[in-house]
C-alpha atoms as a PDB file:
ATOM      1  CA  MET A   1     -31.017  22.578 -19.723  1.00  0.00           C
ATOM      2  CA  LYS A   2     -29.391  23.485 -16.413  1.00  0.00           C
ATOM      3  CA  ARG A   3     -29.939  19.939 -15.174  1.00  0.00           C
ATOM      4  CA  GLY A   4     -28.069  18.520 -18.153  1.00  0.00           C
ATOM      5  CA  TRP A   5     -25.044  20.709 -17.494  1.00  0.00           C
ATOM      6  CA  LEU A   6     -25.136  19.893 -13.806  1.00  0.00           C
ATOM      7  CA  ALA A   7     -25.280  16.178 -14.580  1.00  0.00           C
ATOM      8  CA  LEU A   8     -22.367  16.503 -17.009  1.00  0.00           C
ATOM      9  CA  ILE A   9     -20.302  18.389 -14.428  1.00  0.00           C
ATOM     10  CA  MET A  10     -21.049  15.715 -11.802  1.00  0.00           C
ATOM     11  CA  ILE A  11     -20.004  12.931 -14.195  1.00  0.00           C
ATOM     12  CA  ILE A  12     -16.754  14.724 -15.089  1.00  0.00           C
ATOM     13  CA  LEU A  13     -16.027  15.406 -11.413  1.00  0.00           C
ATOM     14  CA  SER A  14     -16.660  11.762 -10.516  1.00  0.00           C
ATOM     15  CA  LEU A  15     -14.353  10.526 -13.277  1.00  0.00           C
ATOM     16  CA  ALA A  16     -11.621  12.983 -12.290  1.00  0.00           C
ATOM     17  CA  LEU A  17     -11.752  12.048  -8.614  1.00  0.00           C
ATOM     18  CA  GLY A  18     -11.812   8.351  -9.483  1.00  0.00           C
ATOM     19  CA  GLY A  19      -8.741   8.820 -11.644  1.00  0.00           C
ATOM     20  CA  ILE A  20      -6.924  10.677  -8.874  1.00  0.00           C
ATOM     21  CA  GLU A  21      -7.787   7.918  -6.401  1.00  0.00           C
ATOM     22  CA  TYR A  22      -6.604   5.221  -8.800  1.00  0.00           C
ATOM     23  CA  TYR A  23      -3.316   6.990  -9.479  1.00  0.00           C
ATOM     24  CA  TYR A  24      -2.668   7.710  -5.793  1.00  0.00           C
ATOM     25  CA  VAL A  25      -3.335   4.162  -4.621  1.00  0.00           C
ATOM     26  CA  THR A  26      -1.537   2.342  -7.424  1.00  0.00           C
ATOM     27  CA  SER A  27       1.547   4.564  -7.449  1.00  0.00           C
ATOM     28  CA  ASN A  28       1.955   4.270  -3.691  1.00  0.00           C
ATOM     29  CA  ALA A  29       1.334   0.522  -3.792  1.00  0.00           C
ATOM     30  CA  ASP A  30       4.086   0.164  -6.393  1.00  0.00           C
ATOM     31  CA  ALA A  31       6.435   2.227  -4.219  1.00  0.00           C
ATOM     32  CA  TYR A  32       5.643   0.093  -1.149  1.00  0.00           C
ATOM     33  CA  VAL A  33       6.266  -3.131  -3.046  1.00  0.00           C
ATOM     34  CA  GLN A  34       9.566  -1.757  -4.322  1.00  0.00           C
ATOM     35  CA  MET A  35      10.591  -0.778  -0.785  1.00  0.00           C
ATOM     36  CA  LEU A  36       9.629  -4.233   0.491  1.00  0.00           C
ATOM     37  CA  ASP A  37      11.680  -5.890  -2.251  1.00  0.00           C
ATOM     38  CA  ASP A  38      14.637  -3.712  -1.302  1.00  0.00           C
ATOM     39  CA  ALA A  39      14.304  -4.634   2.382  1.00  0.00           C
ATOM     40  CA  ASP A  40      13.927  -8.337   1.488  1.00  0.00           C
ATOM     41  CA  GLU A  41      17.091  -8.295  -0.555  1.00  0.00           C
ATOM     42  CA  LYS A  42      19.036  -6.628   2.226  1.00  0.00           C
ATOM     43  CA  MET A  43      17.746  -9.071   4.804  1.00  0.00           C
ATOM     44  CA  ALA A  44      18.472 -12.065   2.577  1.00  0.00           C
ATOM     45  CA  HIS A  45      22.073 -10.890   2.262  1.00  0.00           C
ATOM     46  CA  ASN A  46      22.411 -10.479   6.059  1.00  0.00           C
ATOM     47  CA  GLN A  47      22.547  -6.711   5.886  1.00  0.00           C
ATOM     48  CA  ILE A  48      20.390  -6.545   8.981  1.00  0.00           C
ATOM     49  CA  TYR A  49      20.963  -2.906   9.920  1.00  0.00           C
ATOM     50  CA  GLU A  50      20.149  -1.757   6.383  1.00  0.00           C
ATOM     51  CA  ALA A  51      17.049  -3.980   6.284  1.00  0.00           C
ATOM     52  CA  GLU A  52      15.888  -2.547   9.604  1.00  0.00           C
ATOM     53  CA  SER A  53      16.429   0.972   8.279  1.00  0.00           C
ATOM     54  CA  ALA A  54      14.489   0.173   5.083  1.00  0.00           C
ATOM     55  CA  ALA A  55      11.638  -1.352   7.101  1.00  0.00           C
ATOM     56  CA  GLN A  56      11.543   1.710   9.327  1.00  0.00           C
ATOM     57  CA  ARG A  57      11.394   4.082   6.339  1.00  0.00           C
ATOM     58  CA  LEU A  58       8.588   2.020   4.839  1.00  0.00           C
ATOM     59  CA  ASP A  59       6.657   1.928   8.098  1.00  0.00           C
ATOM     60  CA  ASN A  60       7.037   5.685   8.595  1.00  0.00           C
ATOM     61  CA  ARG A  61       5.920   6.433   5.036  1.00  0.00           C
ATOM     62  CA  PHE A  62       2.927   4.126   5.374  1.00  0.00           C
ATOM     63  CA  ARG A  63       1.897   5.716   8.675  1.00  0.00           C
ATOM     64  CA  LYS A  64       2.068   9.200   7.167  1.00  0.00           C
ATOM     65  CA  GLN A  65      -0.096   8.184   4.223  1.00  0.00           C
ATOM     66  CA  SER A  66      -2.466   5.854   6.062  1.00  0.00           C
ATOM     67  CA  GLY A  67      -4.909   8.686   6.732  1.00  0.00           C
ATOM     68  CA  MET A  68      -5.421   9.208   3.019  1.00  0.00           C
ATOM     69  CA  PHE A  69      -5.632   5.454   2.405  1.00  0.00           C
ATOM     70  CA  ASN A  70      -8.377   5.225   5.011  1.00  0.00           C
ATOM     71  CA  VAL A  71     -10.426   7.587   2.849  1.00  0.00           C
ATOM     72  CA  PHE A  72     -10.138   5.252  -0.143  1.00  0.00           C
ATOM     73  CA  MET A  73     -10.276   1.785   1.488  1.00  0.00           C
ATOM     74  CA  PHE A  74     -11.544  -0.280   4.380  1.00  0.00           C
ATOM     75  CA  HIS A  75      -9.822   0.581   7.641  1.00  0.00           C
ATOM     76  CA  SER A  76      -9.193  -3.051   8.567  1.00  0.00           C
ATOM     77  CA  GLU A  77      -7.024  -3.635   5.467  1.00  0.00           C
ATOM     78  CA  ILE A  78      -4.857  -0.659   6.373  1.00  0.00           C
ATOM     79  CA  GLY A  79      -4.601  -1.902   9.954  1.00  0.00           C
ATOM     80  CA  HIS A  80      -3.422  -5.337   8.850  1.00  0.00           C
ATOM     81  CA  ILE A  81      -0.738  -3.889   6.608  1.00  0.00           C
ATOM     82  CA  SER A  82       0.362  -1.489   9.312  1.00  0.00           C
ATOM     83  CA  SER A  83       0.765  -4.315  11.824  1.00  0.00           C
ATOM     84  CA  ASP A  84       2.741  -6.368   9.284  1.00  0.00           C
ATOM     85  CA  LEU A  85       5.096  -3.446   8.718  1.00  0.00           C
ATOM     86  CA  ALA A  86       5.564  -2.980  12.462  1.00  0.00           C
ATOM     87  CA  MET A  87       6.388  -6.680  12.771  1.00  0.00           C
ATOM     88  CA  LEU A  88       8.950  -6.292   9.976  1.00  0.00           C
ATOM     89  CA  ARG A  89      10.824  -3.751  12.048  1.00  0.00           C
ATOM     90  CA  ARG A  90      10.816  -6.066  15.040  1.00  0.00           C
ATOM     91  CA  TYR A  91      11.994  -9.065  13.028  1.00  0.00           C
ATOM     92  CA  ALA A  92      14.813  -6.974  11.586  1.00  0.00           C
ATOM     93  CA  GLN A  93      15.843  -5.904  15.084  1.00  0.00           C
ATOM     94  CA  THR A  94      16.004  -9.514  16.259  1.00  0.00           C
ATOM     95  CA  GLY A  95      17.677 -10.728  13.060  1.00  0.00           C
ATOM     96  CA  SER A  96      14.970 -13.282  12.263  1.00  0.00           C
ATOM     97  CA  VAL A  97      15.422 -13.642   8.511  1.00  0.00           C
ATOM     98  CA  GLU A  98      12.717 -16.264   7.912  1.00  0.00           C
ATOM     99  CA  ASP A  99      10.050 -14.386   9.856  1.00  0.00           C
ATOM    100  CA  PHE A 100      11.047 -11.133   8.171  1.00  0.00           C
ATOM    101  CA  LEU A 101      10.730 -12.587   4.682  1.00  0.00           C
ATOM    102  CA  ALA A 102       7.436 -14.328   5.483  1.00  0.00           C
ATOM    103  CA  THR A 103       5.882 -11.193   6.942  1.00  0.00           C
ATOM    104  CA  SER A 104       7.180  -9.132   4.043  1.00  0.00           C
ATOM    105  CA  ALA A 105       5.569 -11.524   1.564  1.00  0.00           C
ATOM    106  CA  CYS A 106       2.283 -11.291   3.465  1.00  0.00           C
ATOM    107  CA  ALA A 107       2.379  -7.473   3.481  1.00  0.00           C
ATOM    108  CA  LYS A 108       3.296  -7.437  -0.204  1.00  0.00           C
ATOM    109  CA  ARG A 109       0.345  -9.688  -1.035  1.00  0.00           C
ATOM    110  CA  LYS A 110      -2.051  -7.440   0.875  1.00  0.00           C
ATOM    111  CA  ILE A 111      -0.715  -4.320  -0.832  1.00  0.00           C
ATOM    112  CA  LEU A 112      -1.040  -5.914  -4.262  1.00  0.00           C
ATOM    113  CA  GLU A 113      -4.605  -6.984  -3.426  1.00  0.00           C
ATOM    114  CA  ILE A 114      -5.442  -3.367  -2.639  1.00  0.00           C
ATOM    115  CA  LYS A 115      -3.902  -2.291  -5.936  1.00  0.00           C
ATOM    116  CA  ASP A 116      -5.869  -4.958  -7.817  1.00  0.00           C
ATOM    117  CA  SER A 117      -9.093  -3.898  -6.130  1.00  0.00           C
ATOM    118  CA  LYS A 118      -8.757  -0.456  -7.725  1.00  0.00           C
ATOM    119  CA  ARG A 119      -8.369  -1.741 -11.287  1.00  0.00           C
ATOM    120  CA  MET A 120     -11.230  -1.164 -13.717  1.00  0.00           C
ATOM    121  CA  THR A 121     -12.383  -4.754 -14.217  1.00  0.00           C
ATOM    122  CA  TRP A 122     -15.873  -6.248 -14.351  1.00  0.00           C
ATOM    123  CA  GLU A 123     -15.282  -8.090 -11.063  1.00  0.00           C
ATOM    124  CA  ASN A 124     -14.521  -4.824  -9.278  1.00  0.00           C
ATOM    125  CA  ILE A 125     -17.394  -2.921 -10.823  1.00  0.00           C
ATOM    126  CA  PHE A 126     -20.187  -5.423 -10.261  1.00  0.00           C
END
């Protein structure tokens, strides 16, 4: 009987930790996408200083949370996003609107792919 309870506790613990991981990754991914949209809009309207500030806030937030993301995902994905965000800051500093928007779109796509990889679908399970 003890084995049954232990198995039940392990299943509940696994489900709880999976739920926490899902919530953490998806909520932060949504926040990053929102911050990227905000920076894109500022850059598109030639508010370069504000776009640079938004890109810097996003980069700083991502760096602070990248340690936790490395627990949940492949390190190379986090590295690619981090380099895209660093390039965003540089493009904002130089005022390169086209490069900024292109790099932002690339980072946004990678973030959304990470979010989609955490969804409970048959493709992700098997």
